[in-house]
């Protein structure tokens, strides 16, 4: 089947009929990506906060590393997690390879540096502005970070949205550790790649439209929050 108007009509039919396979793929994609974004945010924000407030040996190298990891190729992250979870790997006994959990772990490797870098950029200027006054009042590092986070809610939400956007559009890492198993680990991006290779375009087009709308919604939300940053 080619990319004719007929394929487009079939894609729209899948969307309007709430096709079960389509909904399953979209639901799994959202669960995996939201979980990875939440984990990346939970891990990344403390890292970013520590880099923003701390003055310690190796801080410069840590900043360079965090920012360098923003460009980490997804297939490399997937390979690292694959080696970790494979039968001969240190966590092979857990049997997580080719499961949604493995996909969440792989995407978390990608989302954590994003959350850390953006949290650092959000919190550093706030701490530079109010940190000295808080220190005079006897505030410790934990309270300083808490106050700074309260003053930087909008950019921190943007950091979460950026992490989710990276996860939802990613294919290499989850394909490596998930295997693209129908009804089990198939997400929107991996299904689009597979269906396009097969020449079966209606499902690919329907999923592509949903993915595009999700990415647009995430970017619109980030731009809405940008002026508050």
Protein backbone atom coordinates (compact mmCIF):
# COMPACT_ATOMS: atom_id res chain seq x y z
CA UNK A 1 0.00 0.00 0.00
CA UNK A 2 1.38 3.42 -0.94
CA UNK A 3 0.87 6.84 0.61
CA UNK A 4 -2.31 7.51 -1.39
CA UNK A 5 -5.49 9.28 -0.22
CA UNK A 6 -6.85 5.79 0.41
CA UNK A 7 -4.23 5.19 3.10
CA UNK A 8 -5.08 8.54 4.65
CA UNK A 9 -8.79 7.68 4.74
CA UNK A 10 -8.03 4.36 6.40
CA UNK A 11 -5.83 6.13 8.95
CA UNK A 12 -8.64 8.55 9.80
CA UNK A 13 -11.01 5.59 10.05
CA UNK A 14 -8.70 3.96 12.62
CA UNK A 15 -8.66 7.18 14.63
CA UNK A 16 -12.43 7.68 14.56
CA UNK A 17 -13.21 4.04 15.34
CA UNK A 18 -10.89 4.00 18.36
CA UNK A 19 -9.13 0.89 17.04
CA UNK A 20 -8.10 -1.39 19.92
CA UNK A 21 -4.56 -1.95 18.66
CA UNK A 22 -4.10 1.77 18.10
CA UNK A 23 -5.30 2.62 21.61
CA UNK A 24 -3.07 -0.06 23.13
CA UNK A 25 0.01 1.32 21.40
CA UNK A 26 -0.80 4.90 22.38
CA UNK A 27 -1.54 3.89 25.98
CA UNK A 28 1.74 2.01 26.35
CA UNK A 29 3.67 4.91 24.81
CA UNK A 30 2.14 7.36 27.29
CA UNK A 31 2.75 5.09 30.29
CA UNK A 32 6.38 4.45 29.40
CA UNK A 33 7.19 8.05 28.47
CA UNK A 34 5.43 9.63 31.45
CA UNK A 35 7.14 7.18 33.79
CA UNK A 36 10.54 7.91 32.25
CA UNK A 37 9.92 11.66 32.42
CA UNK A 38 8.89 11.42 36.08
CA UNK A 39 11.94 9.32 36.99
CA UNK A 40 14.25 11.59 35.02
CA UNK A 41 12.74 14.63 36.73
CA UNK A 42 13.02 13.08 40.20
CA UNK A 43 16.67 12.21 39.60
CA UNK A 44 17.67 15.20 37.51
CA UNK A 45 16.31 18.07 39.59
CA UNK A 46 18.39 17.20 42.70
CA UNK A 47 21.46 16.89 40.47
CA UNK A 48 20.75 20.25 38.87
CA UNK A 49 20.09 21.82 42.26
CA UNK A 50 23.35 20.47 43.67
CA UNK A 51 25.25 21.89 40.71
CA UNK A 52 23.49 25.23 41.12
CA UNK A 53 24.18 25.67 44.83
CA UNK A 54 27.33 23.64 45.38
CA UNK A 55 30.93 24.72 45.06
CA UNK A 56 33.00 21.55 45.10
CA UNK A 57 35.98 20.03 43.28
CA UNK A 58 34.93 18.64 39.93
CA UNK A 59 31.81 20.79 39.66
CA UNK A 60 32.92 22.15 36.28
CA UNK A 61 33.51 18.67 34.95
CA UNK A 62 30.12 17.56 36.27
CA UNK A 63 28.42 20.47 34.48
CA UNK A 64 30.19 19.63 31.24
CA UNK A 65 29.19 15.97 31.60
CA UNK A 66 25.52 16.74 32.26
CA UNK A 67 25.32 19.06 29.26
CA UNK A 68 27.23 16.62 27.05
CA UNK A 69 24.74 13.88 27.94
CA UNK A 70 21.97 16.00 26.42
CA UNK A 71 23.26 14.76 23.09
CA UNK A 72 23.59 11.12 24.14
CA UNK A 73 22.55 8.96 21.15
CA UNK A 74 19.47 6.92 22.10
CA UNK A 75 20.91 3.72 20.64
CA UNK A 76 23.94 4.08 22.91
CA UNK A 77 21.67 4.46 25.95
CA UNK A 78 19.71 1.44 24.76
CA UNK A 79 22.86 -0.60 24.30
CA UNK A 80 24.08 0.25 27.80
CA UNK A 81 20.76 -0.79 29.34
CA UNK A 82 20.67 -3.91 27.16
CA UNK A 83 24.08 -4.99 28.46
CA UNK A 84 22.93 -4.27 32.01
CA UNK A 85 19.74 -6.32 31.71
CA UNK A 86 20.87 -9.12 29.38
CA UNK A 87 21.24 -12.64 30.76
CA UNK A 88 24.99 -12.21 31.15
CA UNK A 89 24.60 -8.71 32.62
CA UNK A 90 24.62 -7.78 36.31
CA UNK A 91 20.82 -7.47 36.41
CA UNK A 92 20.03 -10.29 34.01
CA UNK A 93 18.42 -12.43 36.70
CA UNK A 94 15.60 -9.92 37.03
CA UNK A 95 14.29 -10.84 33.58
CA UNK A 96 13.51 -7.25 32.63
CA UNK A 97 14.82 -7.27 29.07
CA UNK A 98 12.13 -6.88 26.39
CA UNK A 99 9.60 -5.55 28.89
CA UNK A 100 8.06 -2.09 29.37
CA UNK A 101 10.18 -1.73 32.52
CA UNK A 102 13.36 -2.01 30.46
CA UNK A 103 11.98 0.66 28.13
CA UNK A 104 11.33 2.98 31.06
CA UNK A 105 14.89 2.46 32.32
CA UNK A 106 16.37 3.22 28.89
CA UNK A 107 14.31 6.36 28.46
CA UNK A 108 15.13 7.49 31.99
CA UNK A 109 18.81 7.45 31.02
CA UNK A 110 17.89 9.99 28.33
CA UNK A 111 15.52 12.16 30.37
CA UNK A 112 17.66 12.55 33.50
CA UNK A 113 20.34 14.76 31.87
CA UNK A 114 17.64 16.95 30.34
CA UNK A 115 15.97 17.51 33.71
CA UNK A 116 19.34 18.08 35.42
CA UNK A 117 20.60 20.61 32.87
CA UNK A 118 17.35 22.57 32.73
CA UNK A 119 16.96 22.51 36.52
CA UNK A 120 20.47 23.91 36.88
CA UNK A 121 19.71 26.68 34.39
CA UNK A 122 16.47 27.49 36.20
CA UNK A 123 17.78 27.42 39.77
CA UNK A 124 21.25 28.95 39.37
CA UNK A 125 20.09 32.56 38.74
CA UNK A 126 17.46 32.34 41.48
CA UNK A 127 20.00 31.11 44.02
CA UNK A 128 22.46 33.78 42.91
CA UNK A 129 19.79 36.40 43.61
CA UNK A 130 18.35 35.20 46.90
CA UNK A 131 20.96 32.74 48.21
CA UNK A 132 22.98 35.29 50.16
CA UNK A 133 19.90 36.74 51.85
CA UNK A 134 18.71 33.27 52.81
CA UNK A 135 22.16 32.41 54.17
CA UNK A 136 22.08 35.52 56.35
CA UNK A 137 18.75 34.31 57.72
CA UNK A 138 20.39 31.02 58.63
CA UNK A 139 18.93 28.91 55.84
CA UNK A 140 20.75 25.72 54.97
CA UNK A 141 21.25 24.33 51.46
CA UNK A 142 18.05 22.28 51.58
CA UNK A 143 15.90 25.29 52.45
CA UNK A 144 17.65 27.45 49.84
CA UNK A 145 16.91 24.89 47.15
CA UNK A 146 13.30 24.53 48.31
CA UNK A 147 12.74 28.31 48.17
CA UNK A 148 14.46 28.52 44.78
CA UNK A 149 12.27 25.74 43.41
CA UNK A 150 9.19 27.61 44.58
CA UNK A 151 10.38 30.65 42.67
CA UNK A 152 11.15 28.63 39.54
CA UNK A 153 8.03 26.48 39.19
CA UNK A 154 7.38 27.43 35.56
CA UNK A 155 10.87 26.56 34.23
CA UNK A 156 10.87 23.35 36.26
CA UNK A 157 7.57 22.33 34.69
CA UNK A 158 9.15 23.15 31.35
CA UNK A 159 12.01 20.81 32.26
CA UNK A 160 9.50 18.00 32.87
CA UNK A 161 7.76 18.72 29.56
CA UNK A 162 11.12 18.66 27.76
CA UNK A 163 11.93 15.30 29.34
CA UNK A 164 8.53 13.93 28.29
CA UNK A 165 8.97 15.29 24.77
CA UNK A 166 12.32 13.53 24.45
CA UNK A 167 10.84 10.28 25.71
CA UNK A 168 7.64 10.20 23.66
CA UNK A 169 9.48 10.81 20.37
CA UNK A 170 12.36 8.39 21.03
CA UNK A 171 12.75 5.12 19.14
CA UNK A 172 16.34 3.78 19.23
CA UNK A 173 16.69 3.00 22.92
CA UNK A 174 13.28 1.41 23.42
CA UNK A 175 13.62 -0.62 20.24
CA UNK A 176 16.92 -2.02 21.52
CA UNK A 177 15.65 -3.06 24.95
CA UNK A 178 11.95 -3.56 24.18
CA UNK A 179 12.08 -5.54 20.97
CA UNK A 180 8.91 -4.00 19.46
CA UNK A 181 6.76 -6.98 20.53
CA UNK A 182 3.15 -6.64 19.40
CA UNK A 183 0.76 -6.14 22.30
CA UNK A 184 3.61 -5.97 24.80
CA UNK A 185 6.37 -3.46 23.99
CA UNK A 186 5.23 -1.79 20.78
CA UNK A 187 5.05 2.00 21.08
CA UNK A 188 4.03 4.71 18.64
CA UNK A 189 7.52 5.35 17.32
CA UNK A 190 8.49 1.69 16.93
CA UNK A 191 5.13 0.85 15.35
CA UNK A 192 5.48 3.72 12.87
CA UNK A 193 8.93 2.47 11.86
CA UNK A 194 7.71 -1.12 11.48
CA UNK A 195 4.50 -0.36 9.58
CA UNK A 196 6.33 2.01 7.22
CA UNK A 197 8.92 -0.66 6.43
CA UNK A 198 6.11 -3.13 5.73
CA UNK A 199 4.40 -0.63 3.44
CA UNK A 200 1.23 -0.79 5.57
CA UNK A 201 0.67 2.94 6.03
CA UNK A 202 -2.79 3.48 7.63
CA UNK A 203 -1.71 2.53 11.16
CA UNK A 204 1.60 4.38 10.73
CA UNK A 205 -0.21 7.52 9.56
CA UNK A 206 -2.74 7.37 12.40
CA UNK A 207 0.00 6.95 15.00
CA UNK A 208 2.09 9.65 13.34
CA UNK A 209 -0.80 12.10 13.59
CA UNK A 210 -1.32 11.33 17.29
CA UNK A 211 2.41 11.65 17.97
CA UNK A 212 2.55 14.96 16.12
CA UNK A 213 -0.38 16.32 18.12
CA UNK A 214 1.26 15.24 21.39
CA UNK A 215 4.57 16.88 20.47
CA UNK A 216 2.77 20.07 19.44
CA UNK A 217 0.83 20.09 22.71
CA UNK A 218 4.02 19.66 24.76
CA UNK A 219 5.77 22.46 22.88
CA UNK A 220 2.75 24.73 23.18
CA UNK A 221 2.68 24.16 26.94
CA UNK A 222 6.41 24.87 27.20
CA UNK A 223 6.07 28.10 25.21
CA UNK A 224 3.14 29.16 27.37
CA UNK A 225 5.26 28.73 30.48
CA UNK A 226 8.34 30.39 28.95
CA UNK A 227 7.29 34.02 29.71
CA UNK A 228 6.85 33.07 33.38
CA UNK A 229 10.41 31.79 33.45
